[in-house]
Amino acid sequence: MRGIVVIDEADLHLHVRHQRTVLPTLIKMFPGVQFVVTTHSPLFVLGMREEFGGEGFAIYRLPEGEQIGAEEFGEFGQAYEALRETQRARKEVKEAVKAAQRPVVFVEGPTDVQYVKRAASLLGRNDLMAQFELRAGGNDSKMDAIWKAEAVIMRGTGVNTIGLVYDCDARRKSGRGDDARVGNVVRRFVPMQDGHPIRTGIENLFSRETLQKARDQDGDLFVITPEHPQVVGEEERLVPEEWKLRSDSEKQPLCDLLCSIGDESDFAAFEEVLEIIAEAIS
């Protein structure tokens, strides 16, 4: 059989083992066919080198069309950096849990830590805060890494309880599942405040009035999209008002401001977060 086969994103639906072994082996079975393949998989490139050696195939960087060696394939570096980051995060989590004398609770970001501590102070729950250590676990993907990797390693080993408390928008993202407890590792999600102008992040716990109070102090914190009609097909719908931080760099200034001017009523919704934590470490 002779001819040309063009495959876009050849690794897209392949298990990593198949990317490295099966696909290069399949290509080698057709020596009279020229395969033109796009990929982002360093494992596929590694498998091609193992199957064909250095002379049996060529790699071109797009869109430049420049021929490169396997070691220059950009995804090798990216994959390596991702692995290093994952290993670094695992090491930090292990060390934190091992050194802790109390249960450890991870929330997503450093501002989440500040908000929970301030809420506990205002709501008279400092006794609860004394029972555990509160740490920033990173974004929801990094929290997942703790759940999927560190939880498996630590569950059932007799170490302190590990609590993972995600922001309100994390639950609805595909594949994450619901609240769970496996051994001494607990995963919980902060409930979404329905009808709220902010629909992502821990800021969803603050009322519109509280956010307006912050906006009165600093008018550059938010980008606001007013309520407006939207036509979908033949149906007109009313899209509710939406508030978003101007950028991620505004999270810390907003946190500093609310922790400074906010009172017990502003942090009232955090009572449920504190109850979630209390249940998780019990």
Protein backbone atom coordinates (compact mmCIF):
# COMPACT_ATOMS: atom_id res chain seq x y z
CA MET A 1 0.00 0.00 0.00
CA ARG A 2 1.32 3.41 -0.95
CA GLY A 3 0.03 6.90 -0.36
CA ILE A 4 -0.14 9.82 2.06
CA VAL A 5 -2.08 9.88 5.35
CA VAL A 6 -2.70 13.19 7.16
CA ILE A 7 -3.79 13.08 10.82
CA ASP A 8 -4.49 16.20 12.90
CA GLU A 9 -3.83 15.85 16.66
CA ALA A 10 -3.07 12.14 16.38
CA ASP A 11 -2.68 11.75 20.16
CA LEU A 12 -5.95 13.45 21.08
CA HIS A 13 -7.94 10.34 22.03
CA LEU A 14 -5.10 7.98 22.89
CA HIS A 15 -3.99 6.75 26.29
CA VAL A 16 -0.40 7.85 27.02
CA ARG A 17 0.87 4.26 26.59
CA HIS A 18 -0.71 4.11 23.14
CA GLN A 19 0.80 7.47 22.21
CA ARG A 20 4.29 6.17 22.91
CA THR A 21 4.04 2.57 21.64
CA VAL A 22 0.96 1.71 19.59
CA LEU A 23 0.85 4.72 17.26
CA PRO A 24 4.57 4.60 16.25
CA THR A 25 4.29 0.82 15.77
CA LEU A 26 1.20 1.23 13.59
CA ILE A 27 2.96 3.83 11.43
CA LYS A 28 5.95 1.54 10.97
CA MET A 29 3.66 -1.21 9.64
CA PHE A 30 3.12 0.87 6.45
CA PRO A 31 6.58 1.65 5.03
CA GLY A 32 5.10 2.73 1.70
CA VAL A 33 2.86 5.36 3.29
CA GLN A 34 4.00 8.84 4.24
CA PHE A 35 2.32 9.97 7.47
CA VAL A 36 1.95 13.69 8.10
CA VAL A 37 0.91 14.09 11.74
CA THR A 38 0.36 17.02 14.09
CA THR A 39 0.78 16.43 17.82
CA HIS A 40 1.41 18.08 21.17
CA SER A 41 2.48 14.81 22.79
CA PRO A 42 6.13 14.47 23.82
CA LEU A 43 5.46 10.77 24.44
CA PHE A 44 4.50 10.25 20.79
CA VAL A 45 7.69 11.97 19.64
CA LEU A 46 9.70 9.84 22.09
CA GLY A 47 8.02 6.69 20.78
CA MET A 48 8.78 7.65 17.17
CA ARG A 49 12.44 8.12 18.02
CA GLU A 50 12.55 4.74 19.76
CA GLU A 51 10.78 3.00 16.84
CA PHE A 52 12.51 4.70 13.89
CA GLY A 53 15.78 6.00 15.31
CA GLY A 54 17.06 9.43 14.39
CA GLU A 55 16.69 9.09 10.61
CA GLY A 56 13.27 7.53 10.06
CA PHE A 57 11.16 10.62 10.66
CA ALA A 58 11.39 14.40 10.82
CA ILE A 59 9.84 16.98 13.17
CA TYR A 60 8.83 20.46 12.04
CA ARG A 61 7.85 23.32 14.31
CA LEU A 62 4.72 25.12 13.12
CA PRO A 63 3.91 27.66 11.90
CA GLU A 64 7.57 28.38 11.03
CA GLY A 65 8.09 25.08 9.17
CA GLU A 66 11.53 24.78 10.77
CA GLN A 67 12.93 21.26 11.18
CA ILE A 68 13.97 20.53 14.75
CA GLY A 69 15.32 17.65 16.83
CA ALA A 70 13.24 15.64 19.28
CA GLU A 71 14.87 17.40 22.24
CA GLU A 72 13.80 20.77 20.82
CA PHE A 73 10.13 19.74 20.73
CA GLY A 74 8.58 22.46 22.88
CA GLU A 75 6.17 20.20 24.74
CA PHE A 76 9.08 18.29 26.25
CA GLY A 77 10.03 21.39 28.21
CA GLN A 78 6.45 22.19 29.13
CA ALA A 79 5.77 18.66 30.29
CA TYR A 80 8.96 18.67 32.33
CA GLU A 81 8.06 21.95 34.00
CA ALA A 82 4.55 20.68 34.76
CA LEU A 83 6.05 17.56 36.33
CA ARG A 84 8.44 19.63 38.42
CA GLU A 85 5.59 21.86 39.57
CA THR A 86 3.49 18.82 40.53
CA GLN A 87 6.38 17.22 42.40
CA ARG A 88 7.11 20.49 44.19
CA ALA A 89 3.46 20.83 45.22
CA ARG A 90 3.36 17.24 46.47
CA LYS A 91 6.50 17.78 48.52
CA GLU A 92 5.11 20.96 50.07
CA VAL A 93 1.83 19.27 50.97
CA LYS A 94 3.57 16.24 52.45
CA GLU A 95 5.86 18.40 54.54
CA ALA A 96 2.99 20.60 55.71
CA VAL A 97 0.85 17.65 56.79
CA LYS A 98 3.75 15.77 58.35
CA ALA A 99 4.86 18.80 60.37
CA ALA A 100 1.35 19.73 61.50
CA GLN A 101 0.26 18.82 65.01
CA ARG A 102 -3.39 19.41 64.08
CA PRO A 103 -5.65 18.70 61.09
CA VAL A 104 -4.73 20.69 57.97
CA VAL A 105 -7.40 22.43 55.90
CA PHE A 106 -6.61 23.69 52.40
CA VAL A 107 -8.62 26.45 50.73
CA GLU A 108 -7.96 27.60 47.21
CA GLY A 109 -6.06 30.87 47.51
CA PRO A 110 -4.17 33.08 49.97
CA THR A 111 -7.03 35.57 50.09
CA ASP A 112 -9.36 32.70 51.03
CA VAL A 113 -7.14 32.06 54.06
CA GLN A 114 -7.37 35.72 55.07
CA TYR A 115 -11.14 35.85 54.61
CA VAL A 116 -11.75 32.72 56.70
CA LYS A 117 -9.52 33.94 59.51
CA ARG A 118 -11.19 37.35 59.55
CA ALA A 119 -14.65 35.77 59.47
CA ALA A 120 -13.77 33.51 62.41
CA SER A 121 -12.62 36.54 64.40
CA LEU A 122 -15.77 38.56 63.63
CA LEU A 123 -18.16 35.63 64.17
CA GLY A 124 -16.63 34.49 67.44
CA ARG A 125 -15.17 31.23 66.10
CA ASN A 126 -11.55 31.62 67.12
CA ASP A 127 -11.96 28.45 69.19
CA LEU A 128 -12.53 26.54 65.95
CA MET A 129 -9.51 28.11 64.24
CA ALA A 130 -7.32 26.88 67.11
CA GLN A 131 -8.21 23.28 66.20
CA PHE A 132 -6.60 23.16 62.75
CA GLU A 133 -4.03 24.73 60.44
CA LEU A 134 -5.35 26.68 57.45
CA ARG A 135 -3.30 26.79 54.25
CA ALA A 136 -3.68 27.92 50.63
CA GLY A 137 -3.79 24.91 48.32
CA GLY A 138 -3.75 26.85 45.05
CA ASN A 139 -6.39 26.90 42.30
CA ASP A 140 -8.94 24.11 41.97
CA SER A 141 -6.63 22.09 39.71
CA LYS A 142 -3.93 22.09 42.38
CA MET A 143 -6.54 21.15 44.98
CA ASP A 144 -7.42 18.23 42.71
CA ALA A 145 -3.77 17.19 42.69
CA ILE A 146 -3.83 17.06 46.50
CA TRP A 147 -7.05 15.02 46.45
CA LYS A 148 -6.00 12.58 43.72
CA ALA A 149 -2.37 12.13 44.65
CA GLU A 150 -1.71 13.06 48.24
CA ALA A 151 -5.06 11.75 49.46
CA VAL A 152 -4.27 8.33 48.00
CA ILE A 153 -0.88 8.32 49.67
CA MET A 154 -2.06 9.54 53.06
CA ARG A 155 -5.53 8.07 53.51
CA GLY A 156 -5.65 5.39 56.13
CA THR A 157 -2.10 6.02 57.33
CA GLY A 158 -3.09 7.56 60.66
CA VAL A 159 -1.86 11.06 59.86
CA ASN A 160 -3.94 14.11 60.70
CA THR A 161 -7.14 14.84 58.85
CA ILE A 162 -6.70 16.67 55.53
CA GLY A 163 -9.59 18.93 54.53
CA LEU A 164 -10.00 20.39 51.04
CA VAL A 165 -12.54 23.24 50.84
CA TYR A 166 -13.16 24.37 47.25
CA ASP A 167 -14.75 27.66 46.10
CA CYS A 168 -18.40 27.67 45.08
CA ASP A 169 -17.80 27.42 41.31
CA ALA A 170 -15.55 24.33 41.49
CA ARG A 171 -18.34 21.80 41.99
CA ARG A 172 -20.01 22.44 38.64
CA LYS A 173 -16.83 21.90 36.62
CA SER A 174 -16.97 18.57 34.82
CA GLY A 175 -15.51 15.45 36.33
CA ARG A 176 -14.95 16.78 39.84
CA GLY A 177 -17.79 15.03 41.64
CA ASP A 178 -19.40 15.93 44.94
CA ASP A 179 -18.46 16.11 48.60
CA ALA A 180 -16.46 13.07 49.63
CA ARG A 181 -14.56 11.54 52.51
CA VAL A 182 -12.06 8.72 52.10
CA GLY A 183 -10.35 7.74 55.30
CA ASN A 184 -8.96 10.86 56.87
CA VAL A 185 -9.12 12.94 53.67
CA VAL A 186 -12.20 15.12 53.18
CA ARG A 187 -13.36 17.15 50.18
CA ARG A 188 -16.04 19.83 50.53
CA PHE A 189 -17.45 22.61 48.33
CA VAL A 190 -18.60 26.05 49.47
CA PRO A 191 -22.28 26.48 48.46
CA MET A 192 -23.11 28.94 45.69
CA GLN A 193 -25.07 32.05 46.71
CA ASP A 194 -27.84 32.04 44.10
CA GLY A 195 -28.70 35.26 42.28
CA HIS A 196 -25.34 36.75 43.18
CA PRO A 197 -23.64 39.22 40.78
CA ILE A 198 -20.30 37.38 41.26
CA ARG A 199 -20.57 33.72 40.29
CA THR A 200 -16.99 32.52 40.75
CA GLY A 201 -14.53 32.50 43.63
CA ILE A 202 -14.91 33.06 47.34
CA GLU A 203 -16.12 36.61 46.67
CA ASN A 204 -19.51 35.01 45.94
CA LEU A 205 -19.98 34.84 49.73
CA PHE A 206 -20.19 38.61 50.07
CA SER A 207 -23.55 40.30 49.50
CA ARG A 208 -24.05 42.86 46.77
CA GLU A 209 -24.31 45.52 49.49
CA THR A 210 -20.92 44.54 50.89
CA LEU A 211 -19.35 44.58 47.44
CA GLN A 212 -20.89 47.99 46.79
CA LYS A 213 -19.32 49.17 50.03
CA ALA A 214 -15.92 48.09 48.70
CA ARG A 215 -16.64 49.66 45.33
CA ASP A 216 -17.47 52.97 47.01
CA GLN A 217 -13.97 52.88 48.51
CA ASP A 218 -12.24 51.83 45.26
CA GLY A 219 -14.17 52.28 42.02
CA ASP A 220 -11.53 50.44 39.95
CA LEU A 221 -11.96 47.02 41.58
CA PHE A 222 -14.82 45.74 39.43
CA VAL A 223 -16.05 45.55 35.86
CA ILE A 224 -19.86 45.52 35.96
CA THR A 225 -22.14 44.28 33.19
CA PRO A 226 -25.67 45.59 33.85
CA GLU A 227 -28.76 43.43 33.48
CA HIS A 228 -29.65 43.21 29.78
CA PRO A 229 -31.82 41.26 27.33
CA GLN A 230 -30.25 38.59 25.12
CA VAL A 231 -31.84 36.91 22.12
CA VAL A 232 -31.20 33.15 21.86
CA GLY A 233 -32.82 31.74 18.72
CA GLU A 234 -36.29 33.22 18.76
CA GLU A 235 -36.40 33.61 22.54
CA GLU A 236 -35.41 36.76 24.40
CA ARG A 237 -33.92 36.20 27.84
CA LEU A 238 -32.92 38.61 30.57
CA VAL A 239 -29.25 38.22 31.53
CA PRO A 240 -28.72 39.20 35.18
CA GLU A 241 -26.21 41.79 36.31
CA GLU A 242 -22.67 40.46 36.62
CA TRP A 243 -19.70 41.77 38.59
CA LYS A 244 -16.13 40.66 37.87
CA LEU A 245 -12.84 41.75 39.34
CA ARG A 246 -10.98 43.88 36.83
CA SER A 247 -8.13 41.34 36.98
CA ASP A 248 -6.74 38.70 39.33
CA SER A 249 -4.41 41.36 40.70
CA GLU A 250 -7.45 43.01 42.30
CA LYS A 251 -8.17 40.00 44.55
CA GLN A 252 -5.68 41.07 47.19
CA PRO A 253 -6.70 44.77 47.32
CA LEU A 254 -10.36 43.71 47.65
CA CYS A 255 -9.44 41.28 50.42
CA ASP A 256 -7.44 43.91 52.29
CA LEU A 257 -10.32 46.35 51.99
CA LEU A 258 -13.09 43.98 53.10
CA CYS A 259 -11.05 42.61 55.99
CA SER A 260 -10.49 46.21 57.07
CA ILE A 261 -13.97 47.72 56.72
CA GLY A 262 -16.17 44.60 56.87
CA ASP A 263 -18.20 43.78 59.98
CA GLU A 264 -20.01 40.71 61.25
CA SER A 265 -22.93 41.18 58.85
CA ASP A 266 -20.59 41.44 55.84
CA PHE A 267 -19.01 38.08 56.70
CA ALA A 268 -22.24 36.35 57.73
CA ALA A 269 -22.18 33.84 54.83
CA PHE A 270 -18.80 32.56 56.05
CA GLU A 271 -20.56 30.94 58.99
CA GLU A 272 -21.45 28.09 56.64
CA VAL A 273 -17.81 27.77 55.55
CA LEU A 274 -16.73 27.51 59.18
CA GLU A 275 -19.37 24.83 59.77
CA ILE A 276 -18.08 22.92 56.72
CA ILE A 277 -14.57 23.04 58.16
CA ALA A 278 -15.78 21.99 61.63
CA GLU A 279 -17.56 18.97 60.12
CA ALA A 280 -14.55 18.09 57.96
CA ILE A 281 -12.06 17.94 60.86
CA SER A 282 -14.41 16.29 63.35
